Amino acid sequence: MKCLRVGVTGGMGCGKSTVVAEFQRLGVPAFVADRVGGSYYADPAFLAQVRDLLGDEVILPTGEADKQAIARRVFADPEAMQALNALVHPRVMEDFDAFCHQHADAPYVLFESAILYDYGFDRLMDRVVCVYLSLEERLARLRLRDQTNTATLMARIDRQLPAEVAMQRADYVVLNYEGNPRQRQVAYIDKQLRQ
C-alpha cells in the first residue's frame, strides 16, 4: 500500500517551512522541493546543462552556479524559466518518488513546494495543505529575509498563483499569523490525514 502524498504550498514568505517543521515534529517525513532542486547545482553535469541553457553569466568564476544571476534571469524571462523548470521538475519528481518508497511505512509524506499549483504538482498529490498569510505580512518577512525592495518582491510574487486562489483549491488551510495556534492547526490536519 502506497503512503498518502500531501502537498504543502503557499506563497513566498508565508511560513511553509515553519509549518512543515511542525509536521516533522509529529514524525511526518518531508520532501522540500526547493532544497532538493537547489542541490542539483552541485552536480557538474547538471550545471553544464544550466550553462548551455542560460549562458556563462550564470556561472561564478569558481565554476559554481550564481543562483542570484539565475533567479534574475528566469524571473525576467518566462521562456528561460520554463526551460529551467523542464530541466529541474522531472528530476525533482523522480527523487520524490524515491523518497516515498523510502518512507512507505509512514502514514503520509509531505511535498513542500511554493509552485505546487503553478506547475501541476497538485495532480500528483492525494491532499494539499495551503499555508496562508496576508500579503502585507509576507512582504514584511521577505524584506527582512531577502534584504530586497518591495518592487522586486512583488515581481516574484506576481508570478505565483494568488494566495487566495491556492487557499480555495486546498483541502486544508493553515492560517500562519503570529499568535495564531499553528501547532493546534497542524495537529488537527495530522489527525485527519492519519485516519
N, C-alpha and C. Protein backbone atom coordinates (compact mmCIF):
# COMPACT_ATOMS: atom_id res chain seq x y z
N MET A 1 0.84 -1.19 0.00
CA MET A 1 0.00 0.00 0.00
C MET A 1 0.88 1.25 0.00
N LYS A 2 0.63 2.14 -0.97
CA LYS A 2 1.45 3.35 -1.02
C LYS A 2 0.96 4.36 0.01
N CYS A 3 1.92 5.12 0.54
CA CYS A 3 1.52 6.10 1.54
C CYS A 3 0.90 7.32 0.86
N LEU A 4 0.14 8.05 1.62
CA LEU A 4 -0.54 9.25 1.15
C LEU A 4 0.50 10.33 0.85
N ARG A 5 0.31 11.02 -0.27
CA ARG A 5 1.20 12.11 -0.67
C ARG A 5 0.46 13.43 -0.41
N VAL A 6 1.06 14.26 0.42
CA VAL A 6 0.40 15.52 0.83
C VAL A 6 1.26 16.70 0.41
N GLY A 7 0.74 17.52 -0.49
CA GLY A 7 1.45 18.72 -0.90
C GLY A 7 1.26 19.82 0.13
N VAL A 8 2.32 20.58 0.37
CA VAL A 8 2.24 21.77 1.23
C VAL A 8 2.69 22.95 0.37
N THR A 9 1.81 23.93 0.24
CA THR A 9 2.13 25.07 -0.61
C THR A 9 1.72 26.37 0.05
N GLY A 10 2.03 27.44 -0.60
CA GLY A 10 1.74 28.78 -0.11
C GLY A 10 2.72 29.73 -0.76
N GLY A 11 2.37 30.99 -0.80
CA GLY A 11 3.23 31.97 -1.46
C GLY A 11 4.53 32.21 -0.72
N MET A 12 5.44 32.89 -1.41
CA MET A 12 6.72 33.26 -0.80
C MET A 12 6.49 33.97 0.52
N GLY A 13 7.23 33.58 1.55
CA GLY A 13 7.19 34.30 2.82
C GLY A 13 6.02 33.98 3.72
N CYS A 14 5.21 32.97 3.37
CA CYS A 14 4.03 32.67 4.20
C CYS A 14 4.36 31.78 5.39
N GLY A 15 5.57 31.20 5.41
CA GLY A 15 5.97 30.37 6.55
C GLY A 15 5.76 28.88 6.33
N LYS A 16 5.88 28.43 5.09
CA LYS A 16 5.74 26.99 4.80
C LYS A 16 6.72 26.16 5.61
N SER A 17 7.95 26.65 5.72
CA SER A 17 9.00 25.89 6.42
C SER A 17 8.65 25.66 7.89
N THR A 18 8.08 26.68 8.54
CA THR A 18 7.73 26.52 9.96
C THR A 18 6.57 25.54 10.11
N VAL A 19 5.65 25.54 9.16
CA VAL A 19 4.53 24.60 9.21
C VAL A 19 5.03 23.18 8.95
N VAL A 20 5.91 23.03 7.96
CA VAL A 20 6.48 21.71 7.68
C VAL A 20 7.25 21.20 8.89
N ALA A 21 8.00 22.08 9.55
CA ALA A 21 8.75 21.68 10.75
C ALA A 21 7.81 21.16 11.84
N GLU A 22 6.63 21.75 11.91
CA GLU A 22 5.63 21.32 12.89
C GLU A 22 5.14 19.90 12.57
N PHE A 23 4.92 19.62 11.29
CA PHE A 23 4.54 18.26 10.88
C PHE A 23 5.69 17.27 11.16
N GLN A 24 6.92 17.70 10.89
CA GLN A 24 8.08 16.83 11.15
C GLN A 24 8.20 16.51 12.63
N ARG A 25 7.86 17.47 13.48
CA ARG A 25 7.89 17.25 14.93
C ARG A 25 6.94 16.12 15.31
N LEU A 26 5.90 15.93 14.49
CA LEU A 26 4.93 14.85 14.73
C LEU A 26 5.35 13.55 14.04
N GLY A 27 6.56 13.54 13.47
CA GLY A 27 7.09 12.33 12.86
C GLY A 27 6.78 12.14 11.39
N VAL A 28 6.35 13.20 10.71
CA VAL A 28 5.99 13.09 9.30
C VAL A 28 7.22 13.40 8.42
N PRO A 29 7.58 12.50 7.51
CA PRO A 29 8.71 12.78 6.60
C PRO A 29 8.35 13.90 5.62
N ALA A 30 9.29 14.78 5.35
CA ALA A 30 9.02 15.93 4.47
C ALA A 30 10.09 16.04 3.39
N PHE A 31 9.64 16.20 2.17
CA PHE A 31 10.48 16.41 1.00
C PHE A 31 10.32 17.88 0.61
N VAL A 32 11.40 18.65 0.70
CA VAL A 32 11.34 20.08 0.39
C VAL A 32 11.89 20.28 -1.02
N ALA A 33 10.98 20.49 -1.96
CA ALA A 33 11.34 20.51 -3.38
C ALA A 33 12.41 21.56 -3.71
N ASP A 34 12.30 22.77 -3.15
CA ASP A 34 13.30 23.81 -3.43
C ASP A 34 14.69 23.40 -2.98
N ARG A 35 14.77 22.80 -1.80
CA ARG A 35 16.06 22.38 -1.27
C ARG A 35 16.67 21.27 -2.13
N VAL A 36 15.84 20.31 -2.50
CA VAL A 36 16.32 19.20 -3.33
C VAL A 36 16.75 19.73 -4.70
N GLY A 37 15.88 20.57 -5.31
CA GLY A 37 16.22 21.15 -6.61
C GLY A 37 17.49 21.98 -6.54
N GLY A 38 17.67 22.71 -5.46
CA GLY A 38 18.88 23.52 -5.28
C GLY A 38 20.14 22.69 -5.18
N SER A 39 20.01 21.47 -4.67
CA SER A 39 21.19 20.61 -4.51
C SER A 39 21.73 20.12 -5.86
N TYR A 40 20.91 20.16 -6.90
CA TYR A 40 21.35 19.70 -8.22
C TYR A 40 22.48 20.55 -8.77
N TYR A 41 22.55 21.81 -8.33
CA TYR A 41 23.58 22.71 -8.85
C TYR A 41 25.00 22.30 -8.43
N ALA A 42 25.11 21.38 -7.49
CA ALA A 42 26.43 20.85 -7.11
C ALA A 42 26.89 19.75 -8.06
N ASP A 43 26.00 19.28 -8.92
CA ASP A 43 26.30 18.23 -9.89
C ASP A 43 26.87 18.87 -11.16
N PRO A 44 28.14 18.60 -11.51
CA PRO A 44 28.75 19.24 -12.69
C PRO A 44 27.97 19.01 -13.99
N ALA A 45 27.38 17.83 -14.15
CA ALA A 45 26.63 17.55 -15.38
C ALA A 45 25.38 18.42 -15.46
N PHE A 46 24.70 18.58 -14.33
CA PHE A 46 23.51 19.44 -14.29
C PHE A 46 23.91 20.89 -14.54
N LEU A 47 24.99 21.33 -13.91
CA LEU A 47 25.46 22.71 -14.05
C LEU A 47 25.82 23.01 -15.51
N ALA A 48 26.39 22.03 -16.20
CA ALA A 48 26.72 22.20 -17.62
C ALA A 48 25.44 22.41 -18.44
N GLN A 49 24.36 21.70 -18.08
CA GLN A 49 23.08 21.87 -18.77
C GLN A 49 22.52 23.28 -18.51
N VAL A 50 22.67 23.75 -17.28
CA VAL A 50 22.20 25.10 -16.94
C VAL A 50 22.99 26.14 -17.72
N ARG A 51 24.30 25.95 -17.82
CA ARG A 51 25.15 26.89 -18.58
C ARG A 51 24.73 26.90 -20.04
N ASP A 52 24.48 25.71 -20.62
CA ASP A 52 24.04 25.64 -22.02
C ASP A 52 22.72 26.38 -22.21
N LEU A 53 21.87 26.30 -21.22
CA LEU A 53 20.53 26.88 -21.29
C LEU A 53 20.54 28.40 -21.09
N LEU A 54 21.29 28.87 -20.07
CA LEU A 54 21.20 30.27 -19.64
C LEU A 54 22.45 31.10 -19.95
N GLY A 55 23.53 30.45 -20.32
CA GLY A 55 24.75 31.19 -20.66
C GLY A 55 25.78 31.24 -19.54
N ASP A 56 26.98 31.68 -19.89
CA ASP A 56 28.11 31.72 -18.96
C ASP A 56 27.90 32.68 -17.80
N GLU A 57 27.02 33.69 -17.99
CA GLU A 57 26.85 34.71 -16.94
C GLU A 57 26.20 34.16 -15.67
N VAL A 58 25.67 32.94 -15.72
CA VAL A 58 25.06 32.36 -14.51
C VAL A 58 26.04 31.45 -13.76
N ILE A 59 27.31 31.46 -14.20
CA ILE A 59 28.34 30.67 -13.54
C ILE A 59 29.39 31.60 -12.94
N LEU A 60 29.69 31.40 -11.68
CA LEU A 60 30.70 32.21 -10.98
C LEU A 60 32.10 31.84 -11.46
N PRO A 61 33.09 32.72 -11.24
CA PRO A 61 34.47 32.39 -11.63
C PRO A 61 34.98 31.10 -10.96
N THR A 62 34.40 30.73 -9.83
CA THR A 62 34.79 29.50 -9.13
C THR A 62 34.25 28.25 -9.83
N GLY A 63 33.36 28.46 -10.82
CA GLY A 63 32.75 27.33 -11.51
C GLY A 63 31.42 26.91 -10.90
N GLU A 64 31.02 27.59 -9.81
CA GLU A 64 29.75 27.27 -9.16
C GLU A 64 28.62 28.09 -9.78
N ALA A 65 27.39 27.65 -9.52
CA ALA A 65 26.23 28.38 -10.01
C ALA A 65 26.10 29.71 -9.28
N ASP A 66 25.77 30.76 -10.02
CA ASP A 66 25.45 32.06 -9.43
C ASP A 66 23.93 32.08 -9.31
N LYS A 67 23.43 31.64 -8.16
CA LYS A 67 21.98 31.46 -8.01
C LYS A 67 21.22 32.78 -8.09
N GLN A 68 21.85 33.88 -7.68
CA GLN A 68 21.19 35.19 -7.81
C GLN A 68 21.06 35.58 -9.27
N ALA A 69 22.10 35.31 -10.06
CA ALA A 69 22.05 35.61 -11.50
C ALA A 69 21.01 34.73 -12.19
N ILE A 70 20.92 33.48 -11.78
CA ILE A 70 19.92 32.58 -12.35
C ILE A 70 18.52 33.10 -12.03
N ALA A 71 18.30 33.48 -10.77
CA ALA A 71 16.98 34.00 -10.37
C ALA A 71 16.63 35.25 -11.15
N ARG A 72 17.58 36.19 -11.27
CA ARG A 72 17.31 37.42 -12.03
C ARG A 72 16.92 37.09 -13.47
N ARG A 73 17.65 36.17 -14.06
CA ARG A 73 17.42 35.81 -15.47
C ARG A 73 16.05 35.18 -15.66
N VAL A 74 15.73 34.17 -14.86
CA VAL A 74 14.47 33.45 -15.10
C VAL A 74 13.24 34.25 -14.67
N PHE A 75 13.38 35.12 -13.68
CA PHE A 75 12.23 35.93 -13.30
C PHE A 75 11.95 37.03 -14.33
N ALA A 76 12.98 37.39 -15.11
CA ALA A 76 12.81 38.41 -16.15
C ALA A 76 12.42 37.79 -17.50
N ASP A 77 12.60 36.48 -17.65
CA ASP A 77 12.40 35.83 -18.94
C ASP A 77 11.57 34.55 -18.77
N PRO A 78 10.26 34.62 -19.01
CA PRO A 78 9.39 33.45 -18.81
C PRO A 78 9.82 32.22 -19.59
N GLU A 79 10.38 32.41 -20.79
CA GLU A 79 10.83 31.25 -21.58
C GLU A 79 12.02 30.57 -20.92
N ALA A 80 12.94 31.36 -20.35
CA ALA A 80 14.08 30.79 -19.64
C ALA A 80 13.61 30.05 -18.39
N MET A 81 12.61 30.62 -17.71
CA MET A 81 12.03 29.97 -16.53
C MET A 81 11.44 28.61 -16.92
N GLN A 82 10.70 28.59 -18.01
CA GLN A 82 10.07 27.35 -18.47
C GLN A 82 11.13 26.30 -18.83
N ALA A 83 12.18 26.73 -19.49
CA ALA A 83 13.25 25.81 -19.90
C ALA A 83 13.99 25.24 -18.68
N LEU A 84 14.26 26.11 -17.70
CA LEU A 84 14.94 25.63 -16.49
C LEU A 84 14.04 24.67 -15.73
N ASN A 85 12.75 24.99 -15.63
CA ASN A 85 11.81 24.10 -14.95
C ASN A 85 11.73 22.74 -15.64
N ALA A 86 11.80 22.73 -16.97
CA ALA A 86 11.75 21.47 -17.72
C ALA A 86 12.98 20.60 -17.40
N LEU A 87 14.05 21.25 -17.00
CA LEU A 87 15.27 20.53 -16.60
C LEU A 87 15.17 20.02 -15.17
N VAL A 88 14.59 20.83 -14.28
CA VAL A 88 14.57 20.53 -12.85
C VAL A 88 13.39 19.65 -12.44
N HIS A 89 12.19 19.98 -12.89
CA HIS A 89 10.98 19.35 -12.35
C HIS A 89 10.90 17.83 -12.52
N PRO A 90 11.22 17.28 -13.69
CA PRO A 90 11.15 15.81 -13.79
C PRO A 90 12.10 15.12 -12.81
N ARG A 91 13.26 15.70 -12.62
CA ARG A 91 14.24 15.13 -11.69
C ARG A 91 13.73 15.21 -10.25
N VAL A 92 13.10 16.34 -9.91
CA VAL A 92 12.53 16.50 -8.56
C VAL A 92 11.48 15.42 -8.31
N MET A 93 10.60 15.19 -9.29
CA MET A 93 9.54 14.20 -9.09
C MET A 93 10.10 12.78 -9.01
N GLU A 94 11.15 12.48 -9.74
CA GLU A 94 11.81 11.17 -9.62
C GLU A 94 12.36 11.00 -8.20
N ASP A 95 12.99 12.06 -7.70
CA ASP A 95 13.54 11.99 -6.34
C ASP A 95 12.43 11.89 -5.30
N PHE A 96 11.30 12.54 -5.55
CA PHE A 96 10.18 12.44 -4.62
C PHE A 96 9.62 11.02 -4.62
N ASP A 97 9.52 10.41 -5.78
CA ASP A 97 9.06 9.01 -5.85
C ASP A 97 9.97 8.11 -5.02
N ALA A 98 11.28 8.30 -5.16
CA ALA A 98 12.24 7.51 -4.38
C ALA A 98 12.05 7.77 -2.88
N PHE A 99 11.82 9.04 -2.52
CA PHE A 99 11.60 9.43 -1.13
C PHE A 99 10.37 8.71 -0.58
N CYS A 100 9.30 8.66 -1.37
CA CYS A 100 8.07 7.98 -0.94
C CYS A 100 8.32 6.50 -0.71
N HIS A 101 9.09 5.88 -1.58
CA HIS A 101 9.42 4.45 -1.41
C HIS A 101 10.23 4.23 -0.13
N GLN A 102 11.14 5.16 0.17
CA GLN A 102 11.95 5.05 1.39
C GLN A 102 11.09 5.18 2.64
N HIS A 103 9.98 5.88 2.52
CA HIS A 103 9.11 6.14 3.68
C HIS A 103 7.73 5.50 3.50
N ALA A 104 7.72 4.35 2.85
CA ALA A 104 6.46 3.66 2.54
C ALA A 104 5.68 3.27 3.80
N ASP A 105 6.37 3.16 4.92
CA ASP A 105 5.69 2.77 6.17
C ASP A 105 5.09 3.98 6.90
N ALA A 106 5.35 5.20 6.41
CA ALA A 106 4.80 6.40 7.05
C ALA A 106 3.31 6.53 6.70
N PRO A 107 2.51 7.11 7.60
CA PRO A 107 1.09 7.28 7.28
C PRO A 107 0.89 8.23 6.08
N TYR A 108 1.79 9.19 5.95
CA TYR A 108 1.79 10.09 4.79
C TYR A 108 3.13 10.80 4.73
N VAL A 109 3.44 11.34 3.55
CA VAL A 109 4.67 12.14 3.38
C VAL A 109 4.27 13.50 2.83
N LEU A 110 5.10 14.50 3.15
CA LEU A 110 4.86 15.87 2.67
C LEU A 110 5.75 16.18 1.48
N PHE A 111 5.21 16.97 0.56
CA PHE A 111 5.96 17.51 -0.57
C PHE A 111 5.76 19.02 -0.51
N GLU A 112 6.78 19.74 -0.05
CA GLU A 112 6.66 21.19 0.08
C GLU A 112 7.13 21.88 -1.19
N SER A 113 6.27 22.72 -1.75
CA SER A 113 6.62 23.48 -2.96
C SER A 113 5.75 24.72 -3.06
N ALA A 114 6.38 25.87 -3.26
CA ALA A 114 5.64 27.12 -3.44
C ALA A 114 4.87 27.12 -4.76
N ILE A 115 5.33 26.31 -5.72
CA ILE A 115 4.74 26.32 -7.06
C ILE A 115 3.94 25.05 -7.34
N LEU A 116 3.37 24.47 -6.30
CA LEU A 116 2.63 23.21 -6.41
C LEU A 116 1.51 23.30 -7.46
N TYR A 117 0.71 24.35 -7.39
CA TYR A 117 -0.39 24.52 -8.34
C TYR A 117 0.10 25.06 -9.68
N ASP A 118 1.08 25.95 -9.64
CA ASP A 118 1.56 26.61 -10.86
C ASP A 118 2.03 25.61 -11.91
N TYR A 119 2.61 24.49 -11.47
CA TYR A 119 3.17 23.53 -12.40
C TYR A 119 2.48 22.16 -12.37
N GLY A 120 1.29 22.11 -11.76
CA GLY A 120 0.51 20.88 -11.81
C GLY A 120 0.95 19.78 -10.87
N PHE A 121 1.85 20.09 -9.93
CA PHE A 121 2.27 19.07 -8.97
C PHE A 121 1.10 18.61 -8.10
N ASP A 122 0.11 19.48 -7.93
CA ASP A 122 -1.05 19.12 -7.10
C ASP A 122 -1.76 17.88 -7.64
N ARG A 123 -1.69 17.66 -8.96
CA ARG A 123 -2.35 16.48 -9.55
C ARG A 123 -1.67 15.18 -9.14
N LEU A 124 -0.45 15.28 -8.63
CA LEU A 124 0.30 14.09 -8.20
C LEU A 124 0.16 13.85 -6.69
N MET A 125 -0.62 14.71 -6.03
CA MET A 125 -0.81 14.62 -4.58
C MET A 125 -2.20 14.06 -4.27
N ASP A 126 -2.30 13.43 -3.10
CA ASP A 126 -3.61 12.94 -2.63
C ASP A 126 -4.37 14.03 -1.89
N ARG A 127 -3.64 14.91 -1.20
CA ARG A 127 -4.23 16.02 -0.47
C ARG A 127 -3.28 17.22 -0.58
N VAL A 128 -3.82 18.41 -0.33
CA VAL A 128 -2.99 19.62 -0.35
C VAL A 128 -3.30 20.47 0.88
N VAL A 129 -2.23 20.95 1.52
CA VAL A 129 -2.31 21.89 2.63
C VAL A 129 -1.77 23.23 2.12
N CYS A 130 -2.54 24.29 2.28
CA CYS A 130 -2.07 25.62 1.89
C CYS A 130 -1.77 26.41 3.17
N VAL A 131 -0.59 27.01 3.19
CA VAL A 131 -0.20 27.89 4.30
C VAL A 131 -0.51 29.32 3.84
N TYR A 132 -1.30 30.04 4.62
CA TYR A 132 -1.75 31.37 4.22
C TYR A 132 -1.27 32.44 5.19
N LEU A 133 -0.86 33.55 4.61
CA LEU A 133 -0.52 34.75 5.37
C LEU A 133 -0.82 35.93 4.46
N SER A 134 -1.28 37.04 5.03
CA SER A 134 -1.63 38.19 4.19
C SER A 134 -0.39 38.72 3.46
N LEU A 135 -0.64 39.37 2.33
CA LEU A 135 0.44 39.91 1.52
C LEU A 135 1.30 40.89 2.31
N GLU A 136 0.69 41.73 3.12
CA GLU A 136 1.44 42.74 3.89
C GLU A 136 2.44 42.06 4.83
N GLU A 137 1.99 41.01 5.52
CA GLU A 137 2.89 40.31 6.45
C GLU A 137 3.97 39.54 5.70
N ARG A 138 3.60 38.97 4.56
CA ARG A 138 4.60 38.25 3.75
C ARG A 138 5.70 39.21 3.30
N LEU A 139 5.29 40.38 2.80
CA LEU A 139 6.28 41.35 2.33
C LEU A 139 7.20 41.80 3.46
N ALA A 140 6.64 42.02 4.64
CA ALA A 140 7.47 42.43 5.78
C ALA A 140 8.51 41.36 6.09
N ARG A 141 8.09 40.09 6.11
CA ARG A 141 9.03 38.98 6.37
C ARG A 141 10.10 38.88 5.29
N LEU A 142 9.66 38.98 4.02
CA LEU A 142 10.58 38.82 2.90
C LEU A 142 11.60 39.95 2.81
N ARG A 143 11.17 41.18 3.12
CA ARG A 143 12.13 42.29 3.10
C ARG A 143 13.25 42.05 4.11
N LEU A 144 12.90 41.51 5.26
CA LEU A 144 13.92 41.19 6.28
C LEU A 144 14.79 40.02 5.84
N ARG A 145 14.14 38.97 5.34
CA ARG A 145 14.86 37.75 4.97
C ARG A 145 15.78 37.94 3.77
N ASP A 146 15.25 38.57 2.71
CA ASP A 146 15.99 38.65 1.45
C ASP A 146 16.74 39.96 1.26
N GLN A 147 16.53 40.90 2.19
CA GLN A 147 17.20 42.22 2.10
C GLN A 147 17.01 42.83 0.71
N THR A 148 15.77 42.85 0.26
CA THR A 148 15.48 43.41 -1.06
C THR A 148 14.25 44.31 -0.98
N ASN A 149 13.98 45.02 -2.08
CA ASN A 149 12.90 46.01 -2.06
C ASN A 149 11.56 45.40 -2.44
N THR A 150 10.51 46.14 -2.16
CA THR A 150 9.14 45.67 -2.38
C THR A 150 8.87 45.41 -3.86
N ALA A 151 9.38 46.25 -4.75
CA ALA A 151 9.12 46.08 -6.19
C ALA A 151 9.67 44.75 -6.69
N THR A 152 10.88 44.40 -6.27
CA THR A 152 11.49 43.13 -6.66
C THR A 152 10.68 41.97 -6.12
N LEU A 153 10.27 42.06 -4.86
CA LEU A 153 9.48 41.00 -4.24
C LEU A 153 8.13 40.84 -4.93
N MET A 154 7.49 41.96 -5.25
CA MET A 154 6.18 41.90 -5.90
C MET A 154 6.28 41.29 -7.29
N ALA A 155 7.38 41.56 -7.99
CA ALA A 155 7.57 40.96 -9.32
C ALA A 155 7.60 39.44 -9.22
N ARG A 156 8.22 38.93 -8.16
CA ARG A 156 8.28 37.48 -7.95
C ARG A 156 6.93 36.93 -7.48
N ILE A 157 6.30 37.62 -6.55
CA ILE A 157 5.01 37.18 -6.02
C ILE A 157 3.95 37.15 -7.12
N ASP A 158 4.00 38.15 -8.01
CA ASP A 158 3.01 38.23 -9.08
C ASP A 158 3.12 37.07 -10.07
N ARG A 159 4.24 36.37 -10.09
CA ARG A 159 4.41 35.22 -10.98
C ARG A 159 3.80 33.94 -10.38
N GLN A 160 3.45 33.99 -9.09
CA GLN A 160 2.87 32.83 -8.43
C GLN A 160 1.35 32.94 -8.44
N LEU A 161 0.71 31.78 -8.30
CA LEU A 161 -0.74 31.75 -8.18
C LEU A 161 -1.14 32.59 -6.97
N PRO A 162 -2.16 33.44 -7.09
CA PRO A 162 -2.57 34.25 -5.93
C PRO A 162 -2.87 33.35 -4.71
N ALA A 163 -2.45 33.80 -3.55
CA ALA A 163 -2.59 33.01 -2.32
C ALA A 163 -4.04 32.64 -2.04
N GLU A 164 -4.95 33.55 -2.34
CA GLU A 164 -6.38 33.29 -2.08
C GLU A 164 -6.91 32.16 -2.97
N VAL A 165 -6.40 32.08 -4.19
CA VAL A 165 -6.81 31.01 -5.11
C VAL A 165 -6.27 29.67 -4.62
N ALA A 166 -5.00 29.66 -4.22
CA ALA A 166 -4.40 28.43 -3.69
C ALA A 166 -5.17 27.95 -2.46
N MET A 167 -5.55 28.89 -1.62
CA MET A 167 -6.27 28.56 -0.39
C MET A 167 -7.62 27.92 -0.72
N GLN A 168 -8.31 28.43 -1.72
CA GLN A 168 -9.61 27.88 -2.10
C GLN A 168 -9.49 26.47 -2.69
N ARG A 169 -8.37 26.19 -3.36
CA ARG A 169 -8.21 24.90 -4.01
C ARG A 169 -7.70 23.81 -3.06
N ALA A 170 -7.16 24.21 -1.92
CA ALA A 170 -6.53 23.25 -1.00
C ALA A 170 -7.58 22.46 -0.20
N ASP A 171 -7.16 21.31 0.28
CA ASP A 171 -8.01 20.50 1.17
C ASP A 171 -8.00 21.05 2.59
N TYR A 172 -6.84 21.60 3.00
CA TYR A 172 -6.67 22.15 4.35
C TYR A 172 -5.92 23.47 4.25
N VAL A 173 -6.19 24.37 5.20
CA VAL A 173 -5.50 25.67 5.23
C VAL A 173 -4.95 25.90 6.63
N VAL A 174 -3.70 26.35 6.69
CA VAL A 174 -3.10 26.78 7.95
C VAL A 174 -2.97 28.30 7.87
N LEU A 175 -3.64 29.00 8.78
CA LEU A 175 -3.53 30.46 8.87
C LEU A 175 -2.33 30.75 9.76
N ASN A 176 -1.26 31.24 9.15
CA ASN A 176 0.04 31.28 9.82
C ASN A 176 0.38 32.65 10.41
N TYR A 177 -0.60 33.30 11.03
CA TYR A 177 -0.36 34.59 11.66
C TYR A 177 0.36 34.41 13.00
N GLU A 178 1.14 35.42 13.37
CA GLU A 178 1.77 35.40 14.70
C GLU A 178 0.66 35.34 15.75
N GLY A 179 0.83 34.48 16.72
CA GLY A 179 -0.16 34.37 17.78
C GLY A 179 -1.29 33.40 17.45
N ASN A 180 -1.40 33.00 16.18
CA ASN A 180 -2.42 32.02 15.81
C ASN A 180 -1.88 30.64 16.18
N PRO A 181 -2.71 29.74 16.66
CA PRO A 181 -2.21 28.45 17.15
C PRO A 181 -1.81 27.50 16.02
N ARG A 182 -0.65 27.77 15.42
CA ARG A 182 -0.15 26.94 14.31
C ARG A 182 -0.06 25.47 14.73
N GLN A 183 0.46 25.24 15.92
CA GLN A 183 0.65 23.87 16.41
C GLN A 183 -0.69 23.13 16.46
N ARG A 184 -1.73 23.80 16.93
CA ARG A 184 -3.05 23.18 17.03
C ARG A 184 -3.63 22.89 15.64
N GLN A 185 -3.43 23.82 14.69
CA GLN A 185 -3.93 23.62 13.33
C GLN A 185 -3.25 22.41 12.68
N VAL A 186 -1.94 22.32 12.85
CA VAL A 186 -1.19 21.20 12.26
C VAL A 186 -1.61 19.89 12.90
N ALA A 187 -1.78 19.89 14.21
CA ALA A 187 -2.20 18.67 14.92
C ALA A 187 -3.56 18.20 14.41
N TYR A 188 -4.46 19.13 14.15
CA TYR A 188 -5.79 18.77 13.62
C TYR A 188 -5.67 18.13 12.23
N ILE A 189 -4.89 18.76 11.36
CA ILE A 189 -4.71 18.24 9.99
C ILE A 189 -4.04 16.87 10.04
N ASP A 190 -3.01 16.75 10.88
CA ASP A 190 -2.30 15.48 11.03
C ASP A 190 -3.28 14.37 11.44
N LYS A 191 -4.16 14.66 12.39
CA LYS A 191 -5.13 13.67 12.84
C LYS A 191 -6.06 13.24 11.70
N GLN A 192 -6.49 14.23 10.90
CA GLN A 192 -7.36 13.93 9.76
C GLN A 192 -6.64 13.04 8.73
N LEU A 193 -5.38 13.37 8.47
CA LEU A 193 -4.63 12.63 7.45
C LEU A 193 -4.28 11.20 7.88
N ARG A 194 -4.20 10.98 9.18
CA ARG A 194 -3.86 9.65 9.67
C ARG A 194 -5.08 8.72 9.70
N GLN A 195 -6.27 9.26 9.56
CA GLN A 195 -7.48 8.44 9.63
C GLN A 195 -7.72 7.67 8.33
